[in-house]
Amino acid sequence: QDQLVESGGGLVQAGSSLRLSCTASGRTFSSDYMGWFRQALGKEREFVAVISPAGGRTMYADFVKGRFTVSRDNAKNTVYLQMNSLKPEDTAVYYCAGTRLFTGNHRNYNFWGQGTQVTVSS
């Protein structure tokens, strides 16, 4: 059964860093584009970043450019989101998801993790 499990969330102060991990099982991870999304309370889910299967191509939402970095280790079936210079407005549940397209549209992602909470205090 396909499964994605995120970890690494927590409560941090503004300006801090966190690294989220997402480990896949039950599917051919190295063939998937892997994306990160987030959803704040009362808001719609929004795109954060996506990385191509081999890791050579990435795309970011404007609001995280220069602060967040997406990477992957196919040998470990894991994708990462390094988040630096965190701001209170980054507070959200962060989800990883997989697709066969290079896209930021969440409707094109067909399998999702359960999410991990990131809370940034001011």
PDB file of N, CA and C in Angstrom:
ATOM      1  N   GLN A   1       0.853  -1.189   0.000  1.00  0.00           N
ATOM      2  CA  GLN A   1       0.000   0.000   0.000  1.00  0.00           C
ATOM      3  C   GLN A   1       0.885   1.233   0.000  1.00  0.00           C
ATOM      4  N   ASP A   2       0.588   2.209  -0.898  1.00  0.00           N
ATOM      5  CA  ASP A   2       1.357   3.424  -0.960  1.00  0.00           C
ATOM      6  C   ASP A   2       1.167   4.226   0.317  1.00  0.00           C
ATOM      7  N   GLN A   3       2.273   4.737   0.832  1.00  0.00           N
ATOM      8  CA  GLN A   3       2.194   5.503   2.064  1.00  0.00           C
ATOM      9  C   GLN A   3       3.293   6.548   2.084  1.00  0.00           C
ATOM     10  N   LEU A   4       2.945   7.740   2.573  1.00  0.00           N
ATOM     11  CA  LEU A   4       3.903   8.811   2.813  1.00  0.00           C
ATOM     12  C   LEU A   4       3.794   9.200   4.273  1.00  0.00           C
ATOM     13  N   VAL A   5       4.920   9.336   4.930  1.00  0.00           N
ATOM     14  CA  VAL A   5       4.926   9.710   6.344  1.00  0.00           C
ATOM     15  C   VAL A   5       5.854  10.896   6.536  1.00  0.00           C
ATOM     16  N   GLU A   6       5.281  12.019   6.979  1.00  0.00           N
ATOM     17  CA  GLU A   6       6.066  13.214   7.253  1.00  0.00           C
ATOM     18  C   GLU A   6       6.524  13.232   8.711  1.00  0.00           C
ATOM     19  N   SER A   7       7.619  13.913   8.934  1.00  0.00           N
ATOM     20  CA  SER A   7       8.114  14.128  10.287  1.00  0.00           C
ATOM     21  C   SER A   7       8.952  15.388  10.315  1.00  0.00           C
ATOM     22  N   GLY A   8       9.274  15.851  11.519  1.00  0.00           N
ATOM     23  CA  GLY A   8      10.161  16.989  11.662  1.00  0.00           C
ATOM     24  C   GLY A   8       9.495  18.298  12.033  1.00  0.00           C
ATOM     25  N   GLY A   9       8.176  18.304  12.103  1.00  0.00           N
ATOM     26  CA  GLY A   9       7.490  19.522  12.495  1.00  0.00           C
ATOM     27  C   GLY A   9       7.685  19.825  13.970  1.00  0.00           C
ATOM     28  N   GLY A  10       7.239  21.006  14.381  1.00  0.00           N
ATOM     29  CA  GLY A  10       7.349  21.379  15.779  1.00  0.00           C
ATOM     30  C   GLY A  10       7.065  22.839  16.002  1.00  0.00           C
ATOM     31  N   LEU A  11       7.344  23.276  17.226  1.00  0.00           N
ATOM     32  CA  LEU A  11       7.158  24.669  17.622  1.00  0.00           C
ATOM     33  C   LEU A  11       8.526  25.331  17.719  1.00  0.00           C
ATOM     34  N   VAL A  12       8.705  26.403  16.950  1.00  0.00           N
ATOM     35  CA  VAL A  12       9.983  27.119  16.956  1.00  0.00           C
ATOM     36  C   VAL A  12       9.727  28.623  16.995  1.00  0.00           C
ATOM     37  N   GLN A  13      10.771  29.367  17.292  1.00  0.00           N
ATOM     38  CA  GLN A  13      10.669  30.821  17.286  1.00  0.00           C
ATOM     39  C   GLN A  13      10.971  31.373  15.893  1.00  0.00           C
ATOM     40  N   ALA A  14      10.465  32.539  15.635  1.00  0.00           N
ATOM     41  CA  ALA A  14      10.746  33.205  14.370  1.00  0.00           C
ATOM     42  C   ALA A  14      12.255  33.325  14.175  1.00  0.00           C
ATOM     43  N   GLY A  15      12.677  33.080  12.940  1.00  0.00           N
ATOM     44  CA  GLY A  15      14.095  33.121  12.611  1.00  0.00           C
ATOM     45  C   GLY A  15      14.797  31.780  12.698  1.00  0.00           C
ATOM     46  N   SER A  16      14.107  30.797  13.266  1.00  0.00           N
ATOM     47  CA  SER A  16      14.689  29.464  13.425  1.00  0.00           C
ATOM     48  C   SER A  16      14.581  28.647  12.146  1.00  0.00           C
ATOM     49  N   SER A  17      15.121  27.441  12.220  1.00  0.00           N
ATOM     50  CA  SER A  17      15.092  26.511  11.093  1.00  0.00           C
ATOM     51  C   SER A  17      14.471  25.184  11.515  1.00  0.00           C
ATOM     52  N   LEU A  18      13.880  24.521  10.545  1.00  0.00           N
ATOM     53  CA  LEU A  18      13.383  23.162  10.710  1.00  0.00           C
ATOM     54  C   LEU A  18      13.640  22.396   9.427  1.00  0.00           C
ATOM     55  N   ARG A  19      13.816  21.099   9.545  1.00  0.00           N
ATOM     56  CA  ARG A  19      13.888  20.251   8.356  1.00  0.00           C
ATOM     57  C   ARG A  19      12.795  19.199   8.448  1.00  0.00           C
ATOM     58  N   LEU A  20      11.906  19.242   7.486  1.00  0.00           N
ATOM     59  CA  LEU A  20      10.863  18.235   7.381  1.00  0.00           C
ATOM     60  C   LEU A  20      11.346  17.082   6.514  1.00  0.00           C
ATOM     61  N   SER A  21      10.906  15.893   6.869  1.00  0.00           N
ATOM     62  CA  SER A  21      11.204  14.702   6.085  1.00  0.00           C
ATOM     63  C   SER A  21       9.901  14.024   5.695  1.00  0.00           C
ATOM     64  N   CYS A  22       9.940  13.348   4.586  1.00  0.00           N
ATOM     65  CA  CYS A  22       8.783  12.596   4.109  1.00  0.00           C
ATOM     66  C   CYS A  22       9.311  11.308   3.490  1.00  0.00           C
ATOM     67  N   THR A  23       8.944  10.197   4.083  1.00  0.00           N
ATOM     68  CA  THR A  23       9.429   8.906   3.624  1.00  0.00           C
ATOM     69  C   THR A  23       8.304   8.122   2.976  1.00  0.00           C
ATOM     70  N   ALA A  24       8.596   7.577   1.810  1.00  0.00           N
ATOM     71  CA  ALA A  24       7.599   6.845   1.028  1.00  0.00           C
ATOM     72  C   ALA A  24       7.818   5.346   1.121  1.00  0.00           C
ATOM     73  N   SER A  25       6.730   4.620   1.017  1.00  0.00           N
ATOM     74  CA  SER A  25       6.807   3.167   0.948  1.00  0.00           C
ATOM     75  C   SER A  25       5.715   2.669   0.015  1.00  0.00           C
ATOM     76  N   GLY A  26       5.969   1.515  -0.568  1.00  0.00           N
ATOM     77  CA  GLY A  26       4.942   0.870  -1.365  1.00  0.00           C
ATOM     78  C   GLY A  26       4.804   1.349  -2.785  1.00  0.00           C
ATOM     79  N   ARG A  27       5.740   2.212  -3.248  1.00  0.00           N
ATOM     80  CA  ARG A  27       5.640   2.666  -4.629  1.00  0.00           C
ATOM     81  C   ARG A  27       7.034   2.981  -5.155  1.00  0.00           C
ATOM     82  N   THR A  28       7.103   3.268  -6.443  1.00  0.00           N
ATOM     83  CA  THR A  28       8.390   3.566  -7.067  1.00  0.00           C
ATOM     84  C   THR A  28       8.717   5.038  -6.842  1.00  0.00           C
ATOM     85  N   PHE A  29       9.262   5.334  -5.704  1.00  0.00           N
ATOM     86  CA  PHE A  29       9.512   6.711  -5.288  1.00  0.00           C
ATOM     87  C   PHE A  29      10.389   7.448  -6.296  1.00  0.00           C
ATOM     88  N   SER A  30      11.384   6.786  -6.842  1.00  0.00           N
ATOM     89  CA  SER A  30      12.346   7.449  -7.719  1.00  0.00           C
ATOM     90  C   SER A  30      11.736   7.884  -9.045  1.00  0.00           C
ATOM     91  N   SER A  31      10.508   7.500  -9.321  1.00  0.00           N
ATOM     92  CA  SER A  31       9.826   7.934 -10.543  1.00  0.00           C
ATOM     93  C   SER A  31       8.859   9.087 -10.293  1.00  0.00           C
ATOM     94  N   ASP A  32       8.683   9.471  -9.054  1.00  0.00           N
ATOM     95  CA  ASP A  32       7.681  10.461  -8.687  1.00  0.00           C
ATOM     96  C   ASP A  32       8.269  11.854  -8.524  1.00  0.00           C
ATOM     97  N   TYR A  33       7.537  12.848  -9.006  1.00  0.00           N
ATOM     98  CA  TYR A  33       7.777  14.212  -8.588  1.00  0.00           C
ATOM     99  C   TYR A  33       7.179  14.338  -7.185  1.00  0.00           C
ATOM    100  N   MET A  34       7.916  14.950  -6.299  1.00  0.00           N
ATOM    101  CA  MET A  34       7.453  15.078  -4.915  1.00  0.00           C
ATOM    102  C   MET A  34       7.275  16.547  -4.563  1.00  0.00           C
ATOM    103  N   GLY A  35       6.109  16.843  -4.030  1.00  0.00           N
ATOM    104  CA  GLY A  35       5.803  18.224  -3.680  1.00  0.00           C
ATOM    105  C   GLY A  35       5.559  18.380  -2.197  1.00  0.00           C
ATOM    106  N   TRP A  36       5.719  19.616  -1.775  1.00  0.00           N
ATOM    107  CA  TRP A  36       5.350  20.018  -0.421  1.00  0.00           C
ATOM    108  C   TRP A  36       4.261  21.086  -0.532  1.00  0.00           C
ATOM    109  N   PHE A  37       3.279  20.942   0.311  1.00  0.00           N
ATOM    110  CA  PHE A  37       2.179  21.897   0.397  1.00  0.00           C
ATOM    111  C   PHE A  37       1.976  22.247   1.867  1.00  0.00           C
ATOM    112  N   ARG A  38       1.229  23.307   2.095  1.00  0.00           N
ATOM    113  CA  ARG A  38       0.899  23.643   3.475  1.00  0.00           C
ATOM    114  C   ARG A  38      -0.520  24.189   3.536  1.00  0.00           C
ATOM    115  N   GLN A  39      -1.099  24.046   4.713  1.00  0.00           N
ATOM    116  CA  GLN A  39      -2.450  24.555   4.915  1.00  0.00           C
ATOM    117  C   GLN A  39      -2.534  25.147   6.316  1.00  0.00           C
ATOM    118  N   ALA A  40      -2.738  26.438   6.357  1.00  0.00           N
ATOM    119  CA  ALA A  40      -2.932  27.127   7.628  1.00  0.00           C
ATOM    120  C   ALA A  40      -4.401  27.038   8.030  1.00  0.00           C
ATOM    121  N   LEU A  41      -4.641  27.198   9.304  1.00  0.00           N
ATOM    122  CA  LEU A  41      -6.002  27.089   9.827  1.00  0.00           C
ATOM    123  C   LEU A  41      -6.919  28.092   9.141  1.00  0.00           C
ATOM    124  N   GLY A  42      -7.993  27.595   8.571  1.00  0.00           N
ATOM    125  CA  GLY A  42      -8.966  28.452   7.915  1.00  0.00           C
ATOM    126  C   GLY A  42      -8.596  28.905   6.524  1.00  0.00           C
ATOM    127  N   LYS A  43      -7.489  28.400   6.007  1.00  0.00           N
ATOM    128  CA  LYS A  43      -7.045  28.802   4.668  1.00  0.00           C
ATOM    129  C   LYS A  43      -6.967  27.594   3.750  1.00  0.00           C
ATOM    130  N   GLU A  44      -6.872  27.883   2.465  1.00  0.00           N
ATOM    131  CA  GLU A  44      -6.759  26.807   1.486  1.00  0.00           C
ATOM    132  C   GLU A  44      -5.333  26.236   1.470  1.00  0.00           C
ATOM    133  N   ARG A  45      -5.249  25.006   1.003  1.00  0.00           N
ATOM    134  CA  ARG A  45      -3.941  24.385   0.851  1.00  0.00           C
ATOM    135  C   ARG A  45      -3.163  25.120  -0.232  1.00  0.00           C
ATOM    136  N   GLU A  46      -1.874  25.392   0.019  1.00  0.00           N
ATOM    137  CA  GLU A  46      -1.070  26.110  -0.959  1.00  0.00           C
ATOM    138  C   GLU A  46       0.237  25.383  -1.228  1.00  0.00           C
ATOM    139  N   PHE A  47       0.688  25.573  -2.449  1.00  0.00           N
ATOM    140  CA  PHE A  47       1.922  24.963  -2.920  1.00  0.00           C
ATOM    141  C   PHE A  47       3.123  25.616  -2.260  1.00  0.00           C
ATOM    142  N   VAL A  48       4.114  24.776  -1.904  1.00  0.00           N
ATOM    143  CA  VAL A  48       5.361  25.279  -1.336  1.00  0.00           C
ATOM    144  C   VAL A  48       6.532  25.002  -2.275  1.00  0.00           C
ATOM    145  N   ALA A  49       6.717  23.739  -2.665  1.00  0.00           N
ATOM    146  CA  ALA A  49       7.871  23.364  -3.490  1.00  0.00           C
ATOM    147  C   ALA A  49       7.613  22.011  -4.143  1.00  0.00           C
ATOM    148  N   VAL A  50       8.349  21.770  -5.231  1.00  0.00           N
ATOM    149  CA  VAL A  50       8.293  20.466  -5.900  1.00  0.00           C
ATOM    150  C   VAL A  50       9.690  20.152  -6.407  1.00  0.00           C
ATOM    151  N   ILE A  51       9.997  18.858  -6.462  1.00  0.00           N
ATOM    152  CA  ILE A  51      11.298  18.405  -6.944  1.00  0.00           C
ATOM    153  C   ILE A  51      11.085  17.255  -7.913  1.00  0.00           C
ATOM    154  N   SER A  52      11.889  17.233  -8.969  1.00  0.00           N
ATOM    155  CA  SER A  52      11.778  16.202  -9.992  1.00  0.00           C
ATOM    156  C   SER A  52      12.318  14.876  -9.479  1.00  0.00           C
ATOM    157  N   PRO A  53      12.048  13.783 -10.188  1.00  0.00           N
ATOM    158  CA  PRO A  53      12.459  12.457  -9.693  1.00  0.00           C
ATOM    159  C   PRO A  53      13.953  12.321  -9.410  1.00  0.00           C
ATOM    160  N   ALA A  54      14.785  12.877 -10.265  1.00  0.00           N
ATOM    161  CA  ALA A  54      16.226  12.765 -10.042  1.00  0.00           C
ATOM    162  C   ALA A  54      16.775  13.911  -9.199  1.00  0.00           C
ATOM    163  N   GLY A  55      15.926  14.873  -8.890  1.00  0.00           N
ATOM    164  CA  GLY A  55      16.339  15.977  -8.034  1.00  0.00           C
ATOM    165  C   GLY A  55      16.954  17.155  -8.739  1.00  0.00           C
ATOM    166  N   GLY A  56      17.026  17.095 -10.069  1.00  0.00           N
ATOM    167  CA  GLY A  56      17.710  18.161 -10.787  1.00  0.00           C
ATOM    168  C   GLY A  56      16.868  19.381 -11.086  1.00  0.00           C
ATOM    169  N   ARG A  57      15.586  19.295 -10.848  1.00  0.00           N
ATOM    170  CA  ARG A  57      14.685  20.402 -11.159  1.00  0.00           C
ATOM    171  C   ARG A  57      13.792  20.672  -9.961  1.00  0.00           C
ATOM    172  N   THR A  58      13.710  21.925  -9.581  1.00  0.00           N
ATOM    173  CA  THR A  58      12.878  22.316  -8.456  1.00  0.00           C
ATOM    174  C   THR A  58      12.074  23.561  -8.799  1.00  0.00           C
ATOM    175  N   MET A  59      11.025  23.761  -8.061  1.00  0.00           N
ATOM    176  CA  MET A  59      10.192  24.956  -8.215  1.00  0.00           C
ATOM    177  C   MET A  59       9.659  25.321  -6.835  1.00  0.00           C
ATOM    178  N   TYR A  60       9.592  26.641  -6.586  1.00  0.00           N
ATOM    179  CA  TYR A  60       9.180  27.111  -5.273  1.00  0.00           C
ATOM    180  C   TYR A  60       8.089  28.172  -5.404  1.00  0.00           C
ATOM    181  N   ALA A  61       7.271  28.237  -4.372  1.00  0.00           N
ATOM    182  CA  ALA A  61       6.362  29.362  -4.259  1.00  0.00           C
ATOM    183  C   ALA A  61       7.177  30.616  -3.963  1.00  0.00           C
ATOM    184  N   ASP A  62       6.713  31.746  -4.440  1.00  0.00           N
ATOM    185  CA  ASP A  62       7.456  32.986  -4.260  1.00  0.00           C
ATOM    186  C   ASP A  62       7.716  33.292  -2.789  1.00  0.00           C
ATOM    187  N   PHE A  63       6.791  32.967  -1.940  1.00  0.00           N
ATOM    188  CA  PHE A  63       6.928  33.351  -0.536  1.00  0.00           C
ATOM    189  C   PHE A  63       7.968  32.525   0.226  1.00  0.00           C
ATOM    190  N   VAL A  64       8.535  31.488  -0.391  1.00  0.00           N
ATOM    191  CA  VAL A  64       9.578  30.709   0.288  1.00  0.00           C
ATOM    192  C   VAL A  64      10.922  30.753  -0.427  1.00  0.00           C
ATOM    193  N   LYS A  65      10.973  31.419  -1.560  1.00  0.00           N
ATOM    194  CA  LYS A  65      12.230  31.468  -2.313  1.00  0.00           C
ATOM    195  C   LYS A  65      13.330  32.107  -1.472  1.00  0.00           C
ATOM    196  N   GLY A  66      14.468  31.433  -1.449  1.00  0.00           N
ATOM    197  CA  GLY A  66      15.596  31.919  -0.680  1.00  0.00           C
ATOM    198  C   GLY A  66      15.588  31.486   0.763  1.00  0.00           C
ATOM    199  N   ARG A  67      14.461  30.934   1.227  1.00  0.00           N
ATOM    200  CA  ARG A  67      14.383  30.485   2.627  1.00  0.00           C
ATOM    201  C   ARG A  67      14.244  28.969   2.739  1.00  0.00           C
ATOM    202  N   PHE A  68      13.506  28.360   1.831  1.00  0.00           N
ATOM    203  CA  PHE A  68      13.246  26.918   1.870  1.00  0.00           C
ATOM    204  C   PHE A  68      14.001  26.228   0.742  1.00  0.00           C
ATOM    205  N   THR A  69      14.430  24.987   1.004  1.00  0.00           N
ATOM    206  CA  THR A  69      15.101  24.181  -0.004  1.00  0.00           C
ATOM    207  C   THR A  69      14.527  22.767   0.027  1.00  0.00           C
ATOM    208  N   VAL A  70      14.105  22.302  -1.130  1.00  0.00           N
ATOM    209  CA  VAL A  70      13.613  20.931  -1.238  1.00  0.00           C
ATOM    210  C   VAL A  70      14.722  20.055  -1.809  1.00  0.00           C
ATOM    211  N   SER A  71      14.851  18.851  -1.285  1.00  0.00           N
ATOM    212  CA  SER A  71      15.859  17.902  -1.757  1.00  0.00           C
ATOM    213  C   SER A  71      15.302  16.492  -1.557  1.00  0.00           C
ATOM    214  N   ARG A  72      16.022  15.527  -2.094  1.00  0.00           N
ATOM    215  CA  ARG A  72      15.560  14.150  -1.951  1.00  0.00           C
ATOM    216  C   ARG A  72      16.726  13.189  -1.938  1.00  0.00           C
ATOM    217  N   ASP A  73      16.506  12.034  -1.334  1.00  0.00           N
ATOM    218  CA  ASP A  73      17.468  10.950  -1.315  1.00  0.00           C
ATOM    219  C   ASP A  73      16.705   9.707  -1.770  1.00  0.00           C
ATOM    220  N   ASN A  74      16.842   9.356  -3.021  1.00  0.00           N
ATOM    221  CA  ASN A  74      16.076   8.234  -3.559  1.00  0.00           C
ATOM    222  C   ASN A  74      16.490   6.906  -2.948  1.00  0.00           C
ATOM    223  N   ALA A  75      17.717   6.812  -2.484  1.00  0.00           N
ATOM    224  CA  ALA A  75      18.158   5.575  -1.828  1.00  0.00           C
ATOM    225  C   ALA A  75      17.414   5.347  -0.513  1.00  0.00           C
ATOM    226  N   LYS A  76      16.937   6.446   0.070  1.00  0.00           N
ATOM    227  CA  LYS A  76      16.203   6.360   1.331  1.00  0.00           C
ATOM    228  C   LYS A  76      14.699   6.578   1.136  1.00  0.00           C
ATOM    229  N   ASN A  77      14.277   6.739  -0.113  1.00  0.00           N
ATOM    230  CA  ASN A  77      12.857   7.007  -0.401  1.00  0.00           C
ATOM    231  C   ASN A  77      12.341   8.191   0.408  1.00  0.00           C
ATOM    232  N   THR A  78      13.157   9.216   0.502  1.00  0.00           N
ATOM    233  CA  THR A  78      12.823  10.349   1.366  1.00  0.00           C
ATOM    234  C   THR A  78      13.029  11.666   0.639  1.00  0.00           C
ATOM    235  N   VAL A  79      12.074  12.576   0.846  1.00  0.00           N
ATOM    236  CA  VAL A  79      12.187  13.943   0.370  1.00  0.00           C
ATOM    237  C   VAL A  79      12.221  14.860   1.589  1.00  0.00           C
ATOM    238  N   TYR A  80      12.980  15.943   1.467  1.00  0.00           N
ATOM    239  CA  TYR A  80      13.185  16.850   2.587  1.00  0.00           C
ATOM    240  C   TYR A  80      12.732  18.264   2.220  1.00  0.00           C
ATOM    241  N   LEU A  81      12.389  19.011   3.251  1.00  0.00           N
ATOM    242  CA  LEU A  81      12.139  20.437   3.088  1.00  0.00           C
ATOM    243  C   LEU A  81      12.899  21.147   4.196  1.00  0.00           C
ATOM    244  N   GLN A  82      14.000  21.777   3.820  1.00  0.00           N
ATOM    245  CA  GLN A  82      14.778  22.574   4.761  1.00  0.00           C
ATOM    246  C   GLN A  82      14.176  23.971   4.815  1.00  0.00           C
ATOM    247  N   MET A  83      13.759  24.379   5.999  1.00  0.00           N
ATOM    248  CA  MET A  83      13.099  25.669   6.157  1.00  0.00           C
ATOM    249  C   MET A  83      13.947  26.551   7.068  1.00  0.00           C
ATOM    250  N   ASN A  84      14.422  27.642   6.527  1.00  0.00           N
ATOM    251  CA  ASN A  84      15.241  28.596   7.276  1.00  0.00           C
ATOM    252  C   ASN A  84      14.493  29.920   7.420  1.00  0.00           C
ATOM    253  N   SER A  85      14.948  30.729   8.354  1.00  0.00           N
ATOM    254  CA  SER A  85      14.372  32.062   8.573  1.00  0.00           C
ATOM    255  C   SER A  85      12.853  31.991   8.671  1.00  0.00           C
ATOM    256  N   LEU A  86      12.385  31.093   9.494  1.00  0.00           N
ATOM    257  CA  LEU A  86      10.948  30.888   9.607  1.00  0.00           C
ATOM    258  C   LEU A  86      10.240  32.112  10.168  1.00  0.00           C
ATOM    259  N   LYS A  87       9.034  32.325   9.675  1.00  0.00           N
ATOM    260  CA  LYS A  87       8.212  33.458  10.075  1.00  0.00           C
ATOM    261  C   LYS A  87       6.904  32.941  10.680  1.00  0.00           C
ATOM    262  N   PRO A  88       6.263  33.736  11.498  1.00  0.00           N
ATOM    263  CA  PRO A  88       4.971  33.296  12.059  1.00  0.00           C
ATOM    264  C   PRO A  88       3.966  32.910  10.977  1.00  0.00           C
ATOM    265  N   GLU A  89       4.013  33.587   9.837  1.00  0.00           N
ATOM    266  CA  GLU A  89       3.078  33.266   8.754  1.00  0.00           C
ATOM    267  C   GLU A  89       3.387  31.937   8.075  1.00  0.00           C
ATOM    268  N   ASP A  90       4.496  31.293   8.432  1.00  0.00           N
ATOM    269  CA  ASP A  90       4.772  29.944   7.928  1.00  0.00           C
ATOM    270  C   ASP A  90       4.048  28.873   8.748  1.00  0.00           C
ATOM    271  N   THR A  91       3.397  29.266   9.806  1.00  0.00           N
ATOM    272  CA  THR A  91       2.651  28.323  10.631  1.00  0.00           C
ATOM    273  C   THR A  91       1.564  27.645   9.811  1.00  0.00           C
ATOM    274  N   ALA A  92       1.587  26.315   9.795  1.00  0.00           N
ATOM    275  CA  ALA A  92       0.639  25.546   8.988  1.00  0.00           C
ATOM    276  C   ALA A  92       0.899  24.060   9.210  1.00  0.00           C
ATOM    277  N   VAL A  93      -0.003  23.241   8.711  1.00  0.00           N
ATOM    278  CA  VAL A  93       0.269  21.815   8.560  1.00  0.00           C
ATOM    279  C   VAL A  93       0.935  21.635   7.202  1.00  0.00           C
ATOM    280  N   TYR A  94       2.064  20.972   7.198  1.00  0.00           N
ATOM    281  CA  TYR A  94       2.827  20.757   5.974  1.00  0.00           C
ATOM    282  C   TYR A  94       2.637  19.316   5.515  1.00  0.00           C
ATOM    283  N   TYR A  95       2.328  19.189   4.231  1.00  0.00           N
ATOM    284  CA  TYR A  95       2.069  17.892   3.624  1.00  0.00           C
ATOM    285  C   TYR A  95       3.063  17.625   2.495  1.00  0.00           C
ATOM    286  N   CYS A  96       3.492  16.386   2.372  1.00  0.00           N
ATOM    287  CA  CYS A  96       4.191  15.986   1.158  1.00  0.00           C
ATOM    288  C   CYS A  96       3.208  15.185   0.294  1.00  0.00           C
ATOM    289  N   ALA A  97       3.479  15.186  -0.989  1.00  0.00           N
ATOM    290  CA  ALA A  97       2.582  14.525  -1.923  1.00  0.00           C
ATOM    291  C   ALA A  97       3.356  14.125  -3.165  1.00  0.00           C
ATOM    292  N   GLY A  98       2.824  13.158  -3.901  1.00  0.00           N
ATOM    293  CA  GLY A  98       3.498  12.646  -5.086  1.00  0.00           C
ATOM    294  C   GLY A  98       2.650  12.735  -6.331  1.00  0.00           C
ATOM    295  N   THR A  99       3.327  12.897  -7.463  1.00  0.00           N
ATOM    296  CA  THR A  99       2.669  13.018  -8.742  1.00  0.00           C
ATOM    297  C   THR A  99       3.630  12.580  -9.842  1.00  0.00           C
ATOM    298  N   ARG A 100       3.118  12.445 -11.048  1.00  0.00           N
ATOM    299  CA  ARG A 100       3.972  12.134 -12.196  1.00  0.00           C
ATOM    300  C   ARG A 100       4.156  13.365 -13.088  1.00  0.00           C
ATOM    301  N   LEU A 101       3.799  14.554 -12.548  1.00  0.00           N
ATOM    302  CA  LEU A 101       3.913  15.800 -13.292  1.00  0.00           C
ATOM    303  C   LEU A 101       4.768  16.797 -12.524  1.00  0.00           C
ATOM    304  N   PHE A 102       5.413  17.700 -13.250  1.00  0.00           N
ATOM    305  CA  PHE A 102       6.131  18.796 -12.610  1.00  0.00           C
ATOM    306  C   PHE A 102       5.146  19.943 -12.460  1.00  0.00           C
ATOM    307  N   THR A 103       4.502  20.024 -11.319  1.00  0.00           N
ATOM    308  CA  THR A 103       3.397  20.954 -11.144  1.00  0.00           C
ATOM    309  C   THR A 103       3.270  21.393  -9.698  1.00  0.00           C
ATOM    310  N   GLY A 104       2.704  22.577  -9.524  1.00  0.00           N
ATOM    311  CA  GLY A 104       2.366  23.070  -8.187  1.00  0.00           C
ATOM    312  C   GLY A 104       0.885  22.991  -7.906  1.00  0.00           C
ATOM    313  N   ASN A 105       0.140  22.405  -8.800  1.00  0.00           N
ATOM    314  CA  ASN A 105      -1.310  22.298  -8.638  1.00  0.00           C
ATOM    315  C   ASN A 105      -1.637  21.073  -7.797  1.00  0.00           C
ATOM    316  N   HIS A 106      -2.183  21.284  -6.628  1.00  0.00           N
ATOM    317  CA  HIS A 106      -2.428  20.151  -5.718  1.00  0.00           C
ATOM    318  C   HIS A 106      -3.413  19.144  -6.304  1.00  0.00           C
ATOM    319  N   ARG A 107      -4.226  19.567  -7.260  1.00  0.00           N
ATOM    320  CA  ARG A 107      -5.198  18.640  -7.861  1.00  0.00           C
ATOM    321  C   ARG A 107      -4.525  17.564  -8.695  1.00  0.00           C
ATOM    322  N   ASN A 108      -3.275  17.777  -9.078  1.00  0.00           N
ATOM    323  CA  ASN A 108      -2.543  16.798  -9.876  1.00  0.00           C
ATOM    324  C   ASN A 108      -1.765  15.798  -9.029  1.00  0.00           C
ATOM    325  N   TYR A 109      -1.837  15.953  -7.721  1.00  0.00           N
ATOM    326  CA  TYR A 109      -1.122  15.035  -6.840  1.00  0.00           C
ATOM    327  C   TYR A 109      -2.075  13.944  -6.383  1.00  0.00           C
ATOM    328  N   ASN A 110      -1.659  12.718  -6.495  1.00  0.00           N
ATOM    329  CA  ASN A 110      -2.597  11.624  -6.256  1.00  0.00           C
ATOM    330  C   ASN A 110      -2.289  10.788  -5.032  1.00  0.00           C
ATOM    331  N   PHE A 111      -1.237  11.097  -4.307  1.00  0.00           N
ATOM    332  CA  PHE A 111      -1.098  10.469  -3.006  1.00  0.00           C
ATOM    333  C   PHE A 111      -0.414  11.428  -2.050  1.00  0.00           C
ATOM    334  N   TRP A 112      -0.884  11.383  -0.798  1.00  0.00           N
ATOM    335  CA  TRP A 112      -0.555  12.403   0.195  1.00  0.00           C
ATOM    336  C   TRP A 112      -0.170  11.777   1.534  1.00  0.00           C
ATOM    337  N   GLY A 113       0.684  12.490   2.233  1.00  0.00           N
ATOM    338  CA  GLY A 113       0.956  12.132   3.608  1.00  0.00           C
ATOM    339  C   GLY A 113      -0.097  12.703   4.539  1.00  0.00           C
ATOM    340  N   GLN A 114       0.069  12.425   5.824  1.00  0.00           N
ATOM    341  CA  GLN A 114      -0.926  12.844   6.813  1.00  0.00           C
ATOM    342  C   GLN A 114      -0.663  14.260   7.324  1.00  0.00           C
ATOM    343  N   GLY A 115       0.504  14.798   7.051  1.00  0.00           N
ATOM    344  CA  GLY A 115       0.829  16.159   7.463  1.00  0.00           C
ATOM    345  C   GLY A 115       1.596  16.219   8.768  1.00  0.00           C
ATOM    346  N   THR A 116       2.359  17.297   8.924  1.00  0.00           N
ATOM    347  CA  THR A 116       3.079  17.554  10.163  1.00  0.00           C
ATOM    348  C   THR A 116       2.930  19.040  10.489  1.00  0.00           C
ATOM    349  N   GLN A 117       2.652  19.334  11.744  1.00  0.00           N
ATOM    350  CA  GLN A 117       2.384  20.703  12.157  1.00  0.00           C
ATOM    351  C   GLN A 117       3.678  21.473  12.373  1.00  0.00           C
ATOM    352  N   VAL A 118       3.728  22.659  11.792  1.00  0.00           N
ATOM    353  CA  VAL A 118       4.820  23.605  12.034  1.00  0.00           C
ATOM    354  C   VAL A 118       4.202  24.868  12.634  1.00  0.00           C
ATOM    355  N   THR A 119       4.686  25.246  13.775  1.00  0.00           N
ATOM    356  CA  THR A 119       4.208  26.458  14.448  1.00  0.00           C
ATOM    357  C   THR A 119       5.393  27.367  14.729  1.00  0.00           C
ATOM    358  N   VAL A 120       5.296  28.591  14.255  1.00  0.00           N
ATOM    359  CA  VAL A 120       6.374  29.558  14.431  1.00  0.00           C
ATOM    360  C   VAL A 120       5.854  30.694  15.301  1.00  0.00           C
ATOM    361  N   SER A 121       6.470  30.870  16.448  1.00  0.00           N
ATOM    362  CA  SER A 121       6.055  31.931  17.360  1.00  0.00           C
ATOM    363  C   SER A 121       6.859  33.195  17.105  1.00  0.00           C
ATOM    364  N   SER A 122       6.237  34.325  17.395  1.00  0.00           N
ATOM    365  CA  SER A 122       6.906  35.615  17.149  1.00  0.00           C
ATOM    366  C   SER A 122       7.721  36.060  18.355  1.00  0.00           C
TER     367      SER A 122
END
